[in-house]
């Protein structure tokens, strides 16, 4: 996801998106420990998206 797309969303949508991404990351970690991850590159992509969302939320909250 690009930062432009993320910054156009509202704060509540960003929080919901972050929760969904964290849940997806949890599922990927579960697959990792069971030994059957199909797309291991998704770990870094999801982590980067979460960081972008947290940055956008912080910019919205900043006065």
N, C-alpha and C. Protein backbone atom coordinates (compact mmCIF):
# COMPACT_ATOMS: atom_id res chain seq x y z
N UNK A 1 0.83 -1.17 0.00
CA UNK A 1 0.00 0.00 0.00
C UNK A 1 0.88 1.24 0.00
N UNK A 2 0.54 2.21 -0.79
CA UNK A 2 1.30 3.45 -0.87
C UNK A 2 0.86 4.41 0.23
N UNK A 3 1.79 5.28 0.64
CA UNK A 3 1.47 6.22 1.71
C UNK A 3 0.40 7.21 1.28
N UNK A 4 0.34 7.53 0.00
CA UNK A 4 -0.71 8.43 -0.51
C UNK A 4 -2.09 7.86 -0.24
N UNK A 5 -2.23 6.56 -0.49
CA UNK A 5 -3.52 5.89 -0.27
C UNK A 5 -3.87 5.86 1.22
N UNK A 6 -2.87 5.64 2.03
CA UNK A 6 -3.09 5.55 3.47
C UNK A 6 -3.45 6.91 4.05
N UNK A 7 -2.75 7.96 3.60
CA UNK A 7 -2.99 9.28 4.18
C UNK A 7 -4.36 9.84 3.81
N UNK A 8 -5.00 9.30 2.78
CA UNK A 8 -6.31 9.80 2.41
C UNK A 8 -7.44 9.20 3.26
N UNK A 9 -7.12 8.17 4.05
CA UNK A 9 -8.12 7.53 4.90
C UNK A 9 -8.28 8.30 6.21
N UNK A 10 -9.41 8.10 6.86
CA UNK A 10 -9.66 8.73 8.15
C UNK A 10 -9.03 7.93 9.27
N UNK A 11 -9.01 8.51 10.45
CA UNK A 11 -8.35 7.88 11.59
C UNK A 11 -8.99 6.54 11.96
N UNK A 12 -10.30 6.49 11.99
CA UNK A 12 -10.99 5.25 12.36
C UNK A 12 -10.72 4.15 11.33
N UNK A 13 -10.72 4.51 10.05
CA UNK A 13 -10.42 3.53 9.00
C UNK A 13 -9.00 3.00 9.12
N UNK A 14 -8.08 3.89 9.49
CA UNK A 14 -6.68 3.48 9.66
C UNK A 14 -6.54 2.50 10.81
N UNK A 15 -7.24 2.76 11.89
CA UNK A 15 -7.18 1.87 13.05
C UNK A 15 -7.73 0.50 12.69
N UNK A 16 -8.83 0.47 11.97
CA UNK A 16 -9.41 -0.80 11.54
C UNK A 16 -8.47 -1.55 10.59
N UNK A 17 -7.84 -0.81 9.68
CA UNK A 17 -6.91 -1.41 8.73
C UNK A 17 -5.70 -2.00 9.46
N UNK A 18 -5.23 -1.28 10.48
CA UNK A 18 -4.10 -1.76 11.28
C UNK A 18 -4.45 -3.06 12.00
N UNK A 19 -5.64 -3.12 12.57
CA UNK A 19 -6.08 -4.33 13.26
C UNK A 19 -6.15 -5.52 12.30
N UNK A 20 -6.67 -5.26 11.10
CA UNK A 20 -6.78 -6.33 10.10
C UNK A 20 -5.40 -6.83 9.68
N UNK A 21 -4.46 -5.92 9.49
CA UNK A 21 -3.12 -6.31 9.09
C UNK A 21 -2.41 -7.08 10.20
N UNK A 22 -2.62 -6.66 11.45
CA UNK A 22 -2.00 -7.38 12.56
C UNK A 22 -2.58 -8.78 12.70
N UNK A 23 -3.86 -8.92 12.43
CA UNK A 23 -4.48 -10.24 12.47
C UNK A 23 -3.91 -11.13 11.36
N UNK A 24 -3.71 -10.55 10.20
CA UNK A 24 -3.14 -11.30 9.09
C UNK A 24 -1.70 -11.72 9.39
N UNK A 25 -0.95 -10.83 10.04
CA UNK A 25 0.41 -11.15 10.44
C UNK A 25 0.43 -12.27 11.47
N UNK A 26 -0.54 -12.26 12.38
CA UNK A 26 -0.66 -13.33 13.37
C UNK A 26 -0.89 -14.67 12.68
N UNK A 27 -1.76 -14.68 11.69
CA UNK A 27 -2.04 -15.91 10.96
C UNK A 27 -0.81 -16.41 10.21
N UNK A 28 -0.05 -15.48 9.63
CA UNK A 28 1.17 -15.87 8.93
C UNK A 28 2.20 -16.45 9.90
N UNK A 29 2.30 -15.86 11.09
CA UNK A 29 3.21 -16.40 12.09
C UNK A 29 2.79 -17.79 12.51
N UNK A 30 1.51 -18.01 12.62
CA UNK A 30 1.01 -19.33 12.97
C UNK A 30 1.40 -20.34 11.89
N UNK A 31 1.27 -19.93 10.64
CA UNK A 31 1.67 -20.80 9.53
C UNK A 31 3.17 -21.05 9.55
N UNK A 32 3.94 -20.03 9.94
CA UNK A 32 5.40 -20.17 9.99
C UNK A 32 5.79 -21.26 10.97
N UNK A 33 5.16 -21.26 12.12
CA UNK A 33 5.52 -22.24 13.15
C UNK A 33 4.98 -23.62 12.86
N UNK A 34 3.95 -23.70 12.02
CA UNK A 34 3.47 -25.02 11.63
C UNK A 34 4.22 -25.51 10.39
N UNK A 35 5.04 -24.65 9.79
CA UNK A 35 5.92 -25.05 8.72
C UNK A 35 5.35 -25.02 7.32
N UNK A 36 4.34 -24.22 7.07
CA UNK A 36 3.77 -24.18 5.72
C UNK A 36 3.38 -22.77 5.28
N UNK A 37 4.37 -21.91 5.14
CA UNK A 37 4.13 -20.56 4.66
C UNK A 37 4.32 -20.56 3.15
N UNK A 38 3.28 -20.13 2.44
CA UNK A 38 3.35 -20.12 0.98
C UNK A 38 4.10 -18.91 0.45
N UNK A 39 3.89 -17.76 1.06
CA UNK A 39 4.52 -16.52 0.58
C UNK A 39 5.24 -15.83 1.74
N UNK A 40 6.47 -16.21 2.00
CA UNK A 40 7.19 -15.63 3.14
C UNK A 40 7.51 -14.14 2.98
N UNK A 41 7.49 -13.62 1.77
CA UNK A 41 7.77 -12.20 1.58
C UNK A 41 6.65 -11.32 2.13
N UNK A 42 5.49 -11.90 2.41
CA UNK A 42 4.37 -11.12 2.95
C UNK A 42 4.64 -10.60 4.36
N UNK A 43 5.53 -11.25 5.10
CA UNK A 43 5.86 -10.78 6.45
C UNK A 43 6.37 -9.34 6.40
N UNK A 44 7.36 -9.10 5.55
CA UNK A 44 7.94 -7.76 5.48
C UNK A 44 6.96 -6.75 4.89
N UNK A 45 6.17 -7.16 3.93
CA UNK A 45 5.20 -6.24 3.33
C UNK A 45 4.15 -5.79 4.35
N UNK A 46 3.65 -6.73 5.14
CA UNK A 46 2.64 -6.39 6.14
C UNK A 46 3.23 -5.51 7.22
N UNK A 47 4.45 -5.82 7.66
CA UNK A 47 5.09 -5.01 8.70
C UNK A 47 5.31 -3.58 8.22
N UNK A 48 5.68 -3.41 6.96
CA UNK A 48 5.88 -2.07 6.41
C UNK A 48 4.56 -1.31 6.32
N UNK A 49 3.50 -2.00 5.93
CA UNK A 49 2.18 -1.36 5.87
C UNK A 49 1.71 -0.92 7.24
N UNK A 50 1.95 -1.75 8.26
CA UNK A 50 1.57 -1.38 9.63
C UNK A 50 2.35 -0.14 10.06
N UNK A 51 3.62 -0.08 9.73
CA UNK A 51 4.44 1.08 10.09
C UNK A 51 3.93 2.33 9.38
N UNK A 52 3.56 2.21 8.12
CA UNK A 52 3.02 3.36 7.39
C UNK A 52 1.71 3.85 8.01
N UNK A 53 0.88 2.91 8.41
CA UNK A 53 -0.39 3.28 9.02
C UNK A 53 -0.16 3.96 10.36
N UNK A 54 0.77 3.44 11.16
CA UNK A 54 1.06 4.07 12.44
C UNK A 54 1.60 5.48 12.25
N UNK A 55 2.41 5.69 11.22
CA UNK A 55 2.93 7.02 10.91
C UNK A 55 1.79 7.96 10.54
N UNK A 56 0.86 7.50 9.72
CA UNK A 56 -0.27 8.33 9.31
C UNK A 56 -1.15 8.68 10.51
N UNK A 57 -1.38 7.72 11.39
CA UNK A 57 -2.18 7.98 12.60
C UNK A 57 -1.49 9.02 13.47
N UNK A 58 -0.18 8.90 13.60
CA UNK A 58 0.57 9.85 14.42
C UNK A 58 0.50 11.24 13.82
N UNK A 59 0.55 11.36 12.49
CA UNK A 59 0.46 12.67 11.85
C UNK A 59 -0.92 13.28 12.03
N UNK A 60 -1.96 12.46 12.05
CA UNK A 60 -3.31 12.97 12.25
C UNK A 60 -3.47 13.49 13.67
N UNK A 61 -2.94 12.78 14.64
CA UNK A 61 -3.08 13.16 16.05
C UNK A 61 -2.21 14.35 16.43
N UNK A 62 -1.16 14.57 15.68
CA UNK A 62 -0.24 15.66 15.99
C UNK A 62 -0.92 17.01 15.76
N UNK A 63 -0.83 17.93 16.72
CA UNK A 63 -1.51 19.22 16.56
C UNK A 63 -0.91 20.11 15.52
